[in-house]
Amino acid sequence: MDKIRRHYVFKGSVQGVGFRYKATHVASMFGVTGWVCNRYDGSVEMEAEGDPEAVDRMVAVLRQDRYIFIEDMDVKNIPLEDDRGFHIRSGW
């Protein structure tokens, strides 16, 4: 199956709740590459690349976390970058 890459901006109670660490863990579970970081406005930005089903499952797991509350999510498809892993970027 072809890979996809998506850029996300998550809004809601997404900072200070372990979002970035959960994203890193879930990405490794599903073989997703990319990065995640906090933004100055309280949102979290993420790029995820992999099998479409794996990327969708990753986001579904994040949405189901008891501490993370995603009120809104902006998503767009972007070109592949062929990352070698998933990591936390320093934000702001």
C-alpha atoms as a PDB file:
ATOM      1  CA  MET A   1       0.000   0.000   0.000  1.00  0.00           C
ATOM      2  CA  ASP A   2       1.225   3.502  -0.751  1.00  0.00           C
ATOM      3  CA  LYS A   3       2.407   5.745   2.047  1.00  0.00           C
ATOM      4  CA  ILE A   4       0.833   9.079   2.916  1.00  0.00           C
ATOM      5  CA  ARG A   5       2.039  12.058   4.933  1.00  0.00           C
ATOM      6  CA  ARG A   6      -0.316  14.327   6.826  1.00  0.00           C
ATOM      7  CA  HIS A   7       0.201  17.578   8.658  1.00  0.00           C
ATOM      8  CA  TYR A   8      -1.961  18.016  11.763  1.00  0.00           C
ATOM      9  CA  VAL A   9      -2.670  20.854  14.161  1.00  0.00           C
ATOM     10  CA  PHE A  10      -4.522  19.653  17.263  1.00  0.00           C
ATOM     11  CA  LYS A  11      -6.393  22.141  19.449  1.00  0.00           C
ATOM     12  CA  GLY A  12      -7.945  21.622  22.858  1.00  0.00           C
ATOM     13  CA  SER A  13      -6.371  20.239  26.038  1.00  0.00           C
ATOM     14  CA  VAL A  14      -3.331  18.942  24.204  1.00  0.00           C
ATOM     15  CA  GLN A  15      -0.358  20.465  26.043  1.00  0.00           C
ATOM     16  CA  GLY A  16       0.801  19.343  29.474  1.00  0.00           C
ATOM     17  CA  VAL A  17      -1.055  16.024  29.139  1.00  0.00           C
ATOM     18  CA  GLY A  18       1.640  13.783  27.641  1.00  0.00           C
ATOM     19  CA  PHE A  19       0.469  14.222  24.036  1.00  0.00           C
ATOM     20  CA  ARG A  20       3.955  14.299  22.481  1.00  0.00           C
ATOM     21  CA  TYR A  21       5.168  11.270  24.430  1.00  0.00           C
ATOM     22  CA  LYS A  22       2.002   9.309  23.659  1.00  0.00           C
ATOM     23  CA  ALA A  23       2.341  10.228  19.964  1.00  0.00           C
ATOM     24  CA  THR A  24       5.935   8.964  19.934  1.00  0.00           C
ATOM     25  CA  HIS A  25       4.948   5.691  21.589  1.00  0.00           C
ATOM     26  CA  VAL A  26       1.948   5.100  19.317  1.00  0.00           C
ATOM     27  CA  ALA A  27       3.960   5.988  16.191  1.00  0.00           C
ATOM     28  CA  SER A  28       6.489   3.290  17.078  1.00  0.00           C
ATOM     29  CA  MET A  29       3.660   0.770  17.611  1.00  0.00           C
ATOM     30  CA  PHE A  30       2.228   1.414  14.136  1.00  0.00           C
ATOM     31  CA  GLY A  31       5.435   2.053  12.184  1.00  0.00           C
ATOM     32  CA  VAL A  32       4.610   5.720  11.588  1.00  0.00           C
ATOM     33  CA  THR A  33       7.404   8.247  11.054  1.00  0.00           C
ATOM     34  CA  GLY A  34       7.453  12.031  11.418  1.00  0.00           C
ATOM     35  CA  TRP A  35       7.496  14.485  14.299  1.00  0.00           C
ATOM     36  CA  VAL A  36       5.382  16.286  16.904  1.00  0.00           C
ATOM     37  CA  CYS A  37       5.845  19.594  18.761  1.00  0.00           C
ATOM     38  CA  ASN A  38       4.065  22.077  20.997  1.00  0.00           C
ATOM     39  CA  ARG A  39       3.126  25.446  19.480  1.00  0.00           C
ATOM     40  CA  TYR A  40       3.141  28.809  21.212  1.00  0.00           C
ATOM     41  CA  ASP A  41      -0.670  29.117  20.969  1.00  0.00           C
ATOM     42  CA  GLY A  42      -1.324  25.988  23.069  1.00  0.00           C
ATOM     43  CA  SER A  43      -1.909  23.672  20.123  1.00  0.00           C
ATOM     44  CA  VAL A  44       0.192  20.693  19.070  1.00  0.00           C
ATOM     45  CA  GLU A  45       1.570  20.283  15.541  1.00  0.00           C
ATOM     46  CA  MET A  46       2.383  16.888  14.047  1.00  0.00           C
ATOM     47  CA  GLU A  47       3.453  15.355  10.765  1.00  0.00           C
ATOM     48  CA  ALA A  48       2.828  11.637  10.364  1.00  0.00           C
ATOM     49  CA  GLU A  49       3.927   9.427   7.485  1.00  0.00           C
ATOM     50  CA  GLY A  50       3.131   5.794   6.816  1.00  0.00           C
ATOM     51  CA  ASP A  51       0.439   3.407   5.728  1.00  0.00           C
ATOM     52  CA  PRO A  52      -2.887   5.338   5.656  1.00  0.00           C
ATOM     53  CA  GLU A  53      -4.516   2.868   8.050  1.00  0.00           C
ATOM     54  CA  ALA A  54      -1.599   3.148  10.494  1.00  0.00           C
ATOM     55  CA  VAL A  55      -1.717   6.956  10.467  1.00  0.00           C
ATOM     56  CA  ASP A  56      -5.496   6.901  11.027  1.00  0.00           C
ATOM     57  CA  ARG A  57      -5.131   4.379  13.856  1.00  0.00           C
ATOM     58  CA  MET A  58      -2.439   6.522  15.476  1.00  0.00           C
ATOM     59  CA  VAL A  59      -4.737   9.548  15.535  1.00  0.00           C
ATOM     60  CA  ALA A  60      -7.633   7.408  16.813  1.00  0.00           C
ATOM     61  CA  VAL A  61      -5.505   6.201  19.746  1.00  0.00           C
ATOM     62  CA  LEU A  62      -4.531   9.789  20.585  1.00  0.00           C
ATOM     63  CA  ARG A  63      -8.198  10.829  20.519  1.00  0.00           C
ATOM     64  CA  GLN A  64      -9.099   8.001  22.931  1.00  0.00           C
ATOM     65  CA  ASP A  65      -6.494   8.908  25.567  1.00  0.00           C
ATOM     66  CA  ARG A  66      -8.137   9.831  28.853  1.00  0.00           C
ATOM     67  CA  TYR A  67      -5.930  12.919  29.412  1.00  0.00           C
ATOM     68  CA  ILE A  68      -5.860  14.281  25.862  1.00  0.00           C
ATOM     69  CA  PHE A  69      -8.938  16.198  24.716  1.00  0.00           C
ATOM     70  CA  ILE A  70      -8.863  17.198  21.050  1.00  0.00           C
ATOM     71  CA  GLU A  71     -11.519  19.851  20.402  1.00  0.00           C
ATOM     72  CA  ASP A  72     -10.499  20.608  16.828  1.00  0.00           C
ATOM     73  CA  MET A  73      -8.047  19.192  14.328  1.00  0.00           C
ATOM     74  CA  ASP A  74      -6.753  20.700  11.085  1.00  0.00           C
ATOM     75  CA  VAL A  75      -5.466  18.074   8.638  1.00  0.00           C
ATOM     76  CA  LYS A  76      -3.887  18.287   5.218  1.00  0.00           C
ATOM     77  CA  ASN A  77      -2.036  15.850   2.998  1.00  0.00           C
ATOM     78  CA  ILE A  78       1.536  16.870   2.230  1.00  0.00           C
ATOM     79  CA  PRO A  79       4.438  15.397   0.203  1.00  0.00           C
ATOM     80  CA  LEU A  80       6.325  12.398   1.591  1.00  0.00           C
ATOM     81  CA  GLU A  81       9.662  13.043   3.328  1.00  0.00           C
ATOM     82  CA  ASP A  82      10.768   9.453   3.995  1.00  0.00           C
ATOM     83  CA  ASP A  83      11.686  10.011   7.657  1.00  0.00           C
ATOM     84  CA  ARG A  84      13.655   7.357   9.511  1.00  0.00           C
ATOM     85  CA  GLY A  85      11.729   7.595  12.782  1.00  0.00           C
ATOM     86  CA  PHE A  86       9.306   9.652  14.839  1.00  0.00           C
ATOM     87  CA  HIS A  87      10.621  12.315  17.205  1.00  0.00           C
ATOM     88  CA  ILE A  88       9.644  15.238  19.396  1.00  0.00           C
ATOM     89  CA  ARG A  89      10.737  18.612  18.019  1.00  0.00           C
ATOM     90  CA  SER A  90      11.312  21.575  20.254  1.00  0.00           C
ATOM     91  CA  GLY A  91       8.428  23.970  19.696  1.00  0.00           C
ATOM     92  CA  TRP A  92       7.932  27.689  19.666  1.00  0.00           C
END
